[in-house]
PDB file of N, CA and C in Angstrom:
ATOM      1  N   MET A   1     181.258  87.617  73.420  1.00  0.00           N
ATOM      2  CA  MET A   1     180.042  87.212  74.062  1.00  0.00           C
ATOM      3  C   MET A   1     180.383  86.312  75.242  1.00  0.00           C
ATOM      4  N   SER A   2     179.810  86.593  76.373  1.00  0.00           N
ATOM      5  CA  SER A   2     180.062  85.732  77.520  1.00  0.00           C
ATOM      6  C   SER A   2     179.251  84.446  77.398  1.00  0.00           C
ATOM      7  N   THR A   3     179.564  83.498  78.244  1.00  0.00           N
ATOM      8  CA  THR A   3     178.875  82.204  78.201  1.00  0.00           C
ATOM      9  C   THR A   3     177.376  82.371  78.431  1.00  0.00           C
ATOM     10  N   GLN A   4     176.992  83.286  79.299  1.00  0.00           N
ATOM     11  CA  GLN A   4     175.580  83.484  79.613  1.00  0.00           C
ATOM     12  C   GLN A   4     174.824  84.157  78.482  1.00  0.00           C
ATOM     13  N   GLU A   5     175.521  84.882  77.622  1.00  0.00           N
ATOM     14  CA  GLU A   5     174.866  85.610  76.548  1.00  0.00           C
ATOM     15  C   GLU A   5     174.737  84.793  75.270  1.00  0.00           C
ATOM     16  N   LYS A   6     175.358  83.631  75.203  1.00  0.00           N
ATOM     17  CA  LYS A   6     175.313  82.823  73.987  1.00  0.00           C
ATOM     18  C   LYS A   6     173.912  82.287  73.753  1.00  0.00           C
ATOM     19  N   TRP A   7     173.574  82.223  72.471  1.00  0.00           N
ATOM     20  CA  TRP A   7     172.302  81.609  72.095  1.00  0.00           C
ATOM     21  C   TRP A   7     172.457  80.113  72.249  1.00  0.00           C
ATOM     22  N   ILE A   8     171.484  79.452  72.865  1.00  0.00           N
ATOM     23  CA  ILE A   8     171.645  78.039  73.170  1.00  0.00           C
ATOM     24  C   ILE A   8     171.200  77.122  72.045  1.00  0.00           C
ATOM     25  N   GLY A   9     170.659  77.669  70.977  1.00  0.00           N
ATOM     26  CA  GLY A   9     170.347  76.921  69.774  1.00  0.00           C
ATOM     27  C   GLY A   9     169.502  75.684  69.983  1.00  0.00           C
ATOM     28  N   PRO A  10     169.999  74.535  69.494  1.00  0.00           N
ATOM     29  CA  PRO A  10     169.216  73.301  69.541  1.00  0.00           C
ATOM     30  C   PRO A  10     168.781  72.901  70.946  1.00  0.00           C
ATOM     31  N   LYS A  11     169.524  73.307  71.963  1.00  0.00           N
ATOM     32  CA  LYS A  11     169.129  72.974  73.328  1.00  0.00           C
ATOM     33  C   LYS A  11     167.790  73.606  73.682  1.00  0.00           C
ATOM     34  N   ALA A  12     167.501  74.757  73.093  1.00  0.00           N
ATOM     35  CA  ALA A  12     166.227  75.427  73.368  1.00  0.00           C
ATOM     36  C   ALA A  12     165.056  74.618  72.827  1.00  0.00           C
ATOM     37  N   LEU A  13     165.293  73.859  71.780  1.00  0.00           N
ATOM     38  CA  LEU A  13     164.233  73.057  71.175  1.00  0.00           C
ATOM     39  C   LEU A  13     164.176  71.642  71.735  1.00  0.00           C
ATOM     40  N   ALA A  14     165.018  71.336  72.695  1.00  0.00           N
ATOM     41  CA  ALA A  14     165.048  69.987  73.259  1.00  0.00           C
ATOM     42  C   ALA A  14     163.718  69.612  73.902  1.00  0.00           C
ATOM     43  N   LEU A  15     162.983  70.587  74.407  1.00  0.00           N
ATOM     44  CA  LEU A  15     161.676  70.310  75.013  1.00  0.00           C
ATOM     45  C   LEU A  15     160.676  69.772  74.008  1.00  0.00           C
ATOM     46  N   LEU A  16     160.893  70.072  72.726  1.00  0.00           N
ATOM     47  CA  LEU A  16     159.946  69.636  71.708  1.00  0.00           C
ATOM     48  C   LEU A  16     160.259  68.252  71.149  1.00  0.00           C
ATOM     49  N   ARG A  17     161.255  67.597  71.700  1.00  0.00           N
ATOM     50  CA  ARG A  17     161.512  66.217  71.290  1.00  0.00           C
ATOM     51  C   ARG A  17     160.314  65.373  71.695  1.00  0.00           C
ATOM     52  N   PRO A  18     160.130  64.230  71.060  1.00  0.00           N
ATOM     53  CA  PRO A  18     158.958  63.400  71.381  1.00  0.00           C
ATOM     54  C   PRO A  18     158.806  63.171  72.884  1.00  0.00           C
ATOM     55  N   GLY A  19     157.596  63.394  73.344  1.00  0.00           N
ATOM     56  CA  GLY A  19     157.315  63.232  74.758  1.00  0.00           C
ATOM     57  C   GLY A  19     156.035  63.948  75.139  1.00  0.00           C
ATOM     58  N   ALA A  20     155.760  63.947  76.421  1.00  0.00           N
ATOM     59  CA  ALA A  20     154.511  64.513  76.926  1.00  0.00           C
ATOM     60  C   ALA A  20     154.423  66.019  76.680  1.00  0.00           C
ATOM     61  N   PHE A  21     155.529  66.742  76.874  1.00  0.00           N
ATOM     62  CA  PHE A  21     155.478  68.192  76.707  1.00  0.00           C
ATOM     63  C   PHE A  21     155.195  68.566  75.259  1.00  0.00           C
ATOM     64  N   ARG A  22     155.770  67.833  74.331  1.00  0.00           N
ATOM     65  CA  ARG A  22     155.536  68.098  72.903  1.00  0.00           C
ATOM     66  C   ARG A  22     154.063  67.896  72.560  1.00  0.00           C
ATOM     67  N   ARG A  23     153.476  66.804  73.047  1.00  0.00           N
ATOM     68  CA  ARG A  23     152.050  66.554  72.799  1.00  0.00           C
ATOM     69  C   ARG A  23     151.198  67.656  73.416  1.00  0.00           C
ATOM     70  N   TYR A  24     151.581  68.104  74.604  1.00  0.00           N
ATOM     71  CA  TYR A  24     150.838  69.174  75.264  1.00  0.00           C
ATOM     72  C   TYR A  24     150.899  70.465  74.447  1.00  0.00           C
ATOM     73  N   ILE A  25     152.075  70.843  73.998  1.00  0.00           N
ATOM     74  CA  ILE A  25     152.238  72.082  73.231  1.00  0.00           C
ATOM     75  C   ILE A  25     151.465  72.014  71.921  1.00  0.00           C
ATOM     76  N   ILE A  26     151.549  70.902  71.211  1.00  0.00           N
ATOM     77  CA  ILE A  26     150.825  70.765  69.939  1.00  0.00           C
ATOM     78  C   ILE A  26     149.323  70.812  70.181  1.00  0.00           C
ATOM     79  N   GLY A  27     148.851  70.101  71.198  1.00  0.00           N
ATOM     80  CA  GLY A  27     147.429  70.130  71.537  1.00  0.00           C
ATOM     81  C   GLY A  27     146.964  71.509  71.942  1.00  0.00           C
ATOM     82  N   SER A  28     147.797  72.206  72.691  1.00  0.00           N
ATOM     83  CA  SER A  28     147.461  73.563  73.117  1.00  0.00           C
ATOM     84  C   SER A  28     147.384  74.513  71.925  1.00  0.00           C
ATOM     85  N   LEU A  29     148.295  74.385  70.981  1.00  0.00           N
ATOM     86  CA  LEU A  29     148.259  75.227  69.783  1.00  0.00           C
ATOM     87  C   LEU A  29     146.988  74.984  68.977  1.00  0.00           C
ATOM     88  N   ILE A  30     146.601  73.714  68.846  1.00  0.00           N
ATOM     89  CA  ILE A  30     145.379  73.386  68.111  1.00  0.00           C
ATOM     90  C   ILE A  30     144.160  73.940  68.835  1.00  0.00           C
ATOM     91  N   SER A  31     144.103  73.730  70.147  1.00  0.00           N
ATOM     92  CA  SER A  31     142.967  74.204  70.937  1.00  0.00           C
ATOM     93  C   SER A  31     142.866  75.728  70.912  1.00  0.00           C
ATOM     94  N   ASP A  32     143.989  76.394  71.110  1.00  0.00           N
ATOM     95  CA  ASP A  32     143.981  77.859  71.111  1.00  0.00           C
ATOM     96  C   ASP A  32     143.625  78.421  69.742  1.00  0.00           C
ATOM     97  N   SER A  33     144.077  77.758  68.674  1.00  0.00           N
ATOM     98  CA  SER A  33     143.713  78.205  67.326  1.00  0.00           C
ATOM     99  C   SER A  33     142.206  78.141  67.128  1.00  0.00           C
ATOM    100  N   GLY A  34     141.591  77.079  67.617  1.00  0.00           N
ATOM    101  CA  GLY A  34     140.137  76.965  67.539  1.00  0.00           C
ATOM    102  C   GLY A  34     139.436  78.055  68.323  1.00  0.00           C
ATOM    103  N   THR A  35     139.951  78.362  69.494  1.00  0.00           N
ATOM    104  CA  THR A  35     139.363  79.426  70.314  1.00  0.00           C
ATOM    105  C   THR A  35     139.482  80.772  69.610  1.00  0.00           C
ATOM    106  N   TRP A  36     140.634  81.044  69.032  1.00  0.00           N
ATOM    107  CA  TRP A  36     140.830  82.316  68.324  1.00  0.00           C
ATOM    108  C   TRP A  36     139.912  82.413  67.109  1.00  0.00           C
ATOM    109  N   MET A  37     139.762  81.294  66.393  1.00  0.00           N
ATOM    110  CA  MET A  37     138.856  81.303  65.233  1.00  0.00           C
ATOM    111  C   MET A  37     137.413  81.541  65.670  1.00  0.00           C
ATOM    112  N   GLN A  38     137.029  80.949  66.789  1.00  0.00           N
ATOM    113  CA  GLN A  38     135.674  81.153  67.296  1.00  0.00           C
ATOM    114  C   GLN A  38     135.452  82.623  67.654  1.00  0.00           C
ATOM    115  N   MET A  39     136.408  83.237  68.322  1.00  0.00           N
ATOM    116  CA  MET A  39     136.279  84.655  68.684  1.00  0.00           C
ATOM    117  C   MET A  39     136.208  85.534  67.432  1.00  0.00           C
ATOM    118  N   MET A  40     137.025  85.216  66.432  1.00  0.00           N
ATOM    119  CA  MET A  40     136.984  85.983  65.184  1.00  0.00           C
ATOM    120  C   MET A  40     135.639  85.819  64.489  1.00  0.00           C
ATOM    121  N   ALA A  41     135.127  84.594  64.445  1.00  0.00           N
ATOM    122  CA  ALA A  41     133.843  84.339  63.786  1.00  0.00           C
ATOM    123  C   ALA A  41     132.711  85.057  64.509  1.00  0.00           C
ATOM    124  N   GLN A  42     132.722  85.018  65.841  1.00  0.00           N
ATOM    125  CA  GLN A  42     131.688  85.722  66.601  1.00  0.00           C
ATOM    126  C   GLN A  42     131.742  87.223  66.326  1.00  0.00           C
ATOM    127  N   SER A  43     132.934  87.763  66.326  1.00  0.00           N
ATOM    128  CA  SER A  43     133.083  89.195  66.065  1.00  0.00           C
ATOM    129  C   SER A  43     132.649  89.542  64.644  1.00  0.00           C
ATOM    130  N   TRP A  44     132.985  88.701  63.703  1.00  0.00           N
ATOM    131  CA  TRP A  44     132.627  88.930  62.304  1.00  0.00           C
ATOM    132  C   TRP A  44     131.111  88.898  62.126  1.00  0.00           C
ATOM    133  N   VAL A  45     130.454  87.904  62.710  1.00  0.00           N
ATOM    134  CA  VAL A  45     128.994  87.803  62.605  1.00  0.00           C
ATOM    135  C   VAL A  45     128.333  89.002  63.273  1.00  0.00           C
ATOM    136  N   LEU A  46     128.789  89.353  64.468  1.00  0.00           N
ATOM    137  CA  LEU A  46     128.194  90.489  65.172  1.00  0.00           C
ATOM    138  C   LEU A  46     128.420  91.788  64.409  1.00  0.00           C
ATOM    139  N   SER A  47     129.592  91.936  63.816  1.00  0.00           N
ATOM    140  CA  SER A  47     129.876  93.124  63.022  1.00  0.00           C
ATOM    141  C   SER A  47     128.955  93.206  61.813  1.00  0.00           C
ATOM    142  N   GLY A  48     128.700  92.069  61.185  1.00  0.00           N
ATOM    143  CA  GLY A  48     127.806  92.049  60.031  1.00  0.00           C
ATOM    144  C   GLY A  48     126.358  92.307  60.408  1.00  0.00           C
ATOM    145  N   LEU A  49     125.954  91.867  61.603  1.00  0.00           N
ATOM    146  CA  LEU A  49     124.566  92.037  62.031  1.00  0.00           C
ATOM    147  C   LEU A  49     124.266  93.444  62.538  1.00  0.00           C
ATOM    148  N   THR A  50     125.193  94.026  63.288  1.00  0.00           N
ATOM    149  CA  THR A  50     124.889  95.301  63.947  1.00  0.00           C
ATOM    150  C   THR A  50     125.729  96.471  63.471  1.00  0.00           C
ATOM    151  N   ASN A  51     126.971  96.212  63.076  1.00  0.00           N
ATOM    152  CA  ASN A  51     127.896  97.269  62.671  1.00  0.00           C
ATOM    153  C   ASN A  51     128.129  98.289  63.787  1.00  0.00           C
ATOM    154  N   LYS A  52     128.091  97.824  65.054  1.00  0.00           N
ATOM    155  CA  LYS A  52     128.336  98.701  66.203  1.00  0.00           C
ATOM    156  C   LYS A  52     129.581  98.218  66.945  1.00  0.00           C
ATOM    157  N   ALA A  53     130.566  99.093  67.032  1.00  0.00           N
ATOM    158  CA  ALA A  53     131.830  98.731  67.675  1.00  0.00           C
ATOM    159  C   ALA A  53     131.646  98.455  69.162  1.00  0.00           C
ATOM    160  N   ILE A  54     130.727  99.156  69.807  1.00  0.00           N
ATOM    161  CA  ILE A  54     130.518  98.966  71.245  1.00  0.00           C
ATOM    162  C   ILE A  54     130.069  97.537  71.545  1.00  0.00           C
ATOM    163  N   LEU A  55     129.256  96.964  70.675  1.00  0.00           N
ATOM    164  CA  LEU A  55     128.800  95.590  70.891  1.00  0.00           C
ATOM    165  C   LEU A  55     129.940  94.589  70.722  1.00  0.00           C
ATOM    166  N   LEU A  56     130.836  94.859  69.784  1.00  0.00           N
ATOM    167  CA  LEU A  56     132.015  94.002  69.629  1.00  0.00           C
ATOM    168  C   LEU A  56     132.863  94.030  70.900  1.00  0.00           C
ATOM    169  N   GLY A  57     133.041  95.217  71.435  1.00  0.00           N
ATOM    170  CA  GLY A  57     133.804  95.350  72.673  1.00  0.00           C
ATOM    171  C   GLY A  57     133.136  94.640  73.837  1.00  0.00           C
ATOM    172  N   LEU A  58     131.822  94.768  73.937  1.00  0.00           N
ATOM    173  CA  LEU A  58     131.093  94.121  75.031  1.00  0.00           C
ATOM    174  C   LEU A  58     131.147  92.598  74.930  1.00  0.00           C
ATOM    175  N   VAL A  59     131.030  92.066  73.728  1.00  0.00           N
ATOM    176  CA  VAL A  59     131.101  90.609  73.549  1.00  0.00           C
ATOM    177  C   VAL A  59     132.485  90.093  73.938  1.00  0.00           C
ATOM    178  N   ASN A  60     133.520  90.771  73.504  1.00  0.00           N
ATOM    179  CA  ASN A  60     134.872  90.333  73.843  1.00  0.00           C
ATOM    180  C   ASN A  60     135.166  90.511  75.330  1.00  0.00           C
ATOM    181  N   PHE A  61     134.630  91.560  75.927  1.00  0.00           N
ATOM    182  CA  PHE A  61     134.778  91.755  77.373  1.00  0.00           C
ATOM    183  C   PHE A  61     134.054  90.644  78.129  1.00  0.00           C
ATOM    184  N   ALA A  62     132.843  90.330  77.692  1.00  0.00           N
ATOM    185  CA  ALA A  62     132.062  89.274  78.339  1.00  0.00           C
ATOM    186  C   ALA A  62     132.767  87.921  78.236  1.00  0.00           C
ATOM    187  N   ALA A  63     133.485  87.696  77.152  1.00  0.00           N
ATOM    188  CA  ALA A  63     134.220  86.436  76.994  1.00  0.00           C
ATOM    189  C   ALA A  63     135.358  86.321  78.007  1.00  0.00           C
ATOM    190  N   GLY A  64     135.877  87.449  78.466  1.00  0.00           N
ATOM    191  CA  GLY A  64     136.975  87.427  79.431  1.00  0.00           C
ATOM    192  C   GLY A  64     136.547  87.422  80.877  1.00  0.00           C
ATOM    193  N   ILE A  65     135.273  87.695  81.143  1.00  0.00           N
ATOM    194  CA  ILE A  65     134.785  87.758  82.526  1.00  0.00           C
ATOM    195  C   ILE A  65     134.982  86.442  83.280  1.00  0.00           C
ATOM    196  N   PRO A  66     134.650  85.289  82.695  1.00  0.00           N
ATOM    197  CA  PRO A  66     134.851  84.049  83.458  1.00  0.00           C
ATOM    198  C   PRO A  66     136.301  83.837  83.899  1.00  0.00           C
ATOM    199  N   ALA A  67     137.241  84.171  83.052  1.00  0.00           N
ATOM    200  CA  ALA A  67     138.647  84.002  83.424  1.00  0.00           C
ATOM    201  C   ALA A  67     139.003  84.900  84.604  1.00  0.00           C
ATOM    202  N   LEU A  68     138.515  86.125  84.591  1.00  0.00           N
ATOM    203  CA  LEU A  68     138.790  87.040  85.696  1.00  0.00           C
ATOM    204  C   LEU A  68     138.096  86.606  86.980  1.00  0.00           C
ATOM    205  N   ALA A  69     136.862  86.160  86.852  1.00  0.00           N
ATOM    206  CA  ALA A  69     136.079  85.808  88.032  1.00  0.00           C
ATOM    207  C   ALA A  69     136.521  84.484  88.659  1.00  0.00           C
ATOM    208  N   LEU A  70     136.923  83.539  87.834  1.00  0.00           N
ATOM    209  CA  LEU A  70     137.236  82.203  88.341  1.00  0.00           C
ATOM    210  C   LEU A  70     138.714  81.979  88.646  1.00  0.00           C
ATOM    211  N   ALA A  71     139.567  82.907  88.280  1.00  0.00           N
ATOM    212  CA  ALA A  71     141.006  82.704  88.450  1.00  0.00           C
ATOM    213  C   ALA A  71     141.419  82.418  89.897  1.00  0.00           C
ATOM    214  N   PRO A  72     140.960  83.178  90.887  1.00  0.00           N
ATOM    215  CA  PRO A  72     141.399  82.876  92.263  1.00  0.00           C
ATOM    216  C   PRO A  72     140.969  81.487  92.738  1.00  0.00           C
ATOM    217  N   THR A  73     139.732  81.129  92.471  1.00  0.00           N
ATOM    218  CA  THR A  73     139.235  79.818  92.886  1.00  0.00           C
ATOM    219  C   THR A  73     139.926  78.707  92.104  1.00  0.00           C
ATOM    220  N   ALA A  74     140.052  78.895  90.811  1.00  0.00           N
ATOM    221  CA  ALA A  74     140.683  77.872  89.975  1.00  0.00           C
ATOM    222  C   ALA A  74     142.143  77.672  90.362  1.00  0.00           C
ATOM    223  N   GLY A  75     142.816  78.734  90.730  1.00  0.00           N
ATOM    224  CA  GLY A  75     144.214  78.615  91.142  1.00  0.00           C
ATOM    225  C   GLY A  75     144.378  77.771  92.386  1.00  0.00           C
ATOM    226  N   SER A  76     143.508  77.976  93.360  1.00  0.00           N
ATOM    227  CA  SER A  76     143.621  77.190  94.582  1.00  0.00           C
ATOM    228  C   SER A  76     143.211  75.739  94.346  1.00  0.00           C
ATOM    229  N   LEU A  77     142.223  75.515  93.475  1.00  0.00           N
ATOM    230  CA  LEU A  77     141.843  74.138  93.137  1.00  0.00           C
ATOM    231  C   LEU A  77     142.957  73.430  92.373  1.00  0.00           C
ATOM    232  N   ALA A  78     143.621  74.154  91.490  1.00  0.00           N
ATOM    233  CA  ALA A  78     144.707  73.564  90.704  1.00  0.00           C
ATOM    234  C   ALA A  78     145.866  73.122  91.590  1.00  0.00           C
ATOM    235  N   ASP A  79     146.050  73.806  92.706  1.00  0.00           N
ATOM    236  CA  ASP A  79     147.106  73.410  93.631  1.00  0.00           C
ATOM    237  C   ASP A  79     146.768  72.109  94.348  1.00  0.00           C
ATOM    238  N   ARG A  80     145.478  71.824  94.506  1.00  0.00           N
ATOM    239  CA  ARG A  80     145.057  70.654  95.277  1.00  0.00           C
ATOM    240  C   ARG A  80     144.686  69.440  94.434  1.00  0.00           C
ATOM    241  N   LEU A  81     144.268  69.648  93.194  1.00  0.00           N
ATOM    242  CA  LEU A  81     143.772  68.550  92.367  1.00  0.00           C
ATOM    243  C   LEU A  81     144.825  68.085  91.361  1.00  0.00           C
ATOM    244  N   ASP A  82     144.548  66.953  90.734  1.00  0.00           N
ATOM    245  CA  ASP A  82     145.442  66.383  89.725  1.00  0.00           C
ATOM    246  C   ASP A  82     145.443  67.263  88.471  1.00  0.00           C
ATOM    247  N   LYS A  83     146.607  67.752  88.102  1.00  0.00           N
ATOM    248  CA  LYS A  83     146.725  68.684  86.961  1.00  0.00           C
ATOM    249  C   LYS A  83     146.242  68.062  85.657  1.00  0.00           C
ATOM    250  N   ARG A  84     146.534  66.792  85.456  1.00  0.00           N
ATOM    251  CA  ARG A  84     146.138  66.116  84.215  1.00  0.00           C
ATOM    252  C   ARG A  84     144.624  66.061  84.093  1.00  0.00           C
ATOM    253  N   LYS A  85     143.952  65.724  85.178  1.00  0.00           N
ATOM    254  CA  LYS A  85     142.490  65.649  85.151  1.00  0.00           C
ATOM    255  C   LYS A  85     141.871  67.029  84.937  1.00  0.00           C
ATOM    256  N   ILE A  86     142.475  68.047  85.531  1.00  0.00           N
ATOM    257  CA  ILE A  86     141.985  69.417  85.335  1.00  0.00           C
ATOM    258  C   ILE A  86     142.112  69.809  83.870  1.00  0.00           C
ATOM    259  N   LEU A  87     143.257  69.513  83.280  1.00  0.00           N
ATOM    260  CA  LEU A  87     143.496  69.853  81.876  1.00  0.00           C
ATOM    261  C   LEU A  87     142.502  69.150  80.964  1.00  0.00           C
ATOM    262  N   ILE A  88     142.270  67.872  81.206  1.00  0.00           N
ATOM    263  CA  ILE A  88     141.318  67.119  80.388  1.00  0.00           C
ATOM    264  C   ILE A  88     139.911  67.683  80.554  1.00  0.00           C
ATOM    265  N   ALA A  89     139.505  67.950  81.798  1.00  0.00           N
ATOM    266  CA  ALA A  89     138.157  68.473  82.055  1.00  0.00           C
ATOM    267  C   ALA A  89     137.952  69.840  81.414  1.00  0.00           C
ATOM    268  N   THR A  90     138.943  70.711  81.501  1.00  0.00           N
ATOM    269  CA  THR A  90     138.782  72.048  80.924  1.00  0.00           C
ATOM    270  C   THR A  90     138.759  72.007  79.400  1.00  0.00           C
ATOM    271  N   GLN A  91     139.536  71.110  78.802  1.00  0.00           N
ATOM    272  CA  GLN A  91     139.508  70.989  77.344  1.00  0.00           C
ATOM    273  C   GLN A  91     138.170  70.438  76.863  1.00  0.00           C
ATOM    274  N   ILE A  92     137.614  69.467  77.592  1.00  0.00           N
ATOM    275  CA  ILE A  92     136.299  68.929  77.239  1.00  0.00           C
ATOM    276  C   ILE A  92     135.235  70.012  77.381  1.00  0.00           C
ATOM    277  N   ALA A  93     135.306  70.780  78.467  1.00  0.00           N
ATOM    278  CA  ALA A  93     134.345  71.876  78.659  1.00  0.00           C
ATOM    279  C   ALA A  93     134.469  72.903  77.542  1.00  0.00           C
ATOM    280  N   GLN A  94     135.687  73.202  77.128  1.00  0.00           N
ATOM    281  CA  GLN A  94     135.899  74.172  76.052  1.00  0.00           C
ATOM    282  C   GLN A  94     135.313  73.660  74.739  1.00  0.00           C
ATOM    283  N   ILE A  95     135.448  72.382  74.467  1.00  0.00           N
ATOM    284  CA  ILE A  95     134.872  71.797  73.248  1.00  0.00           C
ATOM    285  C   ILE A  95     133.355  71.883  73.290  1.00  0.00           C
ATOM    286  N   ILE A  96     132.767  71.531  74.433  1.00  0.00           N
ATOM    287  CA  ILE A  96     131.306  71.571  74.573  1.00  0.00           C
ATOM    288  C   ILE A  96     130.785  72.993  74.389  1.00  0.00           C
ATOM    289  N   LEU A  97     131.461  73.964  74.995  1.00  0.00           N
ATOM    290  CA  LEU A  97     131.028  75.360  74.858  1.00  0.00           C
ATOM    291  C   LEU A  97     131.180  75.862  73.426  1.00  0.00           C
ATOM    292  N   ALA A  98     132.200  75.405  72.732  1.00  0.00           N
ATOM    293  CA  ALA A  98     132.386  75.829  71.339  1.00  0.00           C
ATOM    294  C   ALA A  98     131.295  75.254  70.445  1.00  0.00           C
ATOM    295  N   ILE A  99     130.875  74.030  70.731  1.00  0.00           N
ATOM    296  CA  ILE A  99     129.834  73.394  69.925  1.00  0.00           C
ATOM    297  C   ILE A  99     128.463  73.998  70.217  1.00  0.00           C
ATOM    298  N   ALA A 100     128.237  74.382  71.465  1.00  0.00           N
ATOM    299  CA  ALA A 100     126.903  74.877  71.876  1.00  0.00           C
ATOM    300  C   ALA A 100     126.528  76.188  71.250  1.00  0.00           C
TER     301      ALA A 100
END
């Protein structure tokens, strides 16, 4: 095995040592898990109410529309604004939308 092909082992996990990146990854996993559970619950409820696959597809498609529509604008704003404030604002918005 050449030097470039070696598995780097513990060095690969060095990013997860205590610090800002570790907190970000853990927070992201928790947030994303909540989002996935919400999508599953919505699909489950809709499936129980209507039993129509087309409606499940439409609901999941509709959930992705904002990401597609806002990506170009959000990308340019992210280049100009403070990343930390953007992250905090989007997480708060996601919590509010999940509760609503």
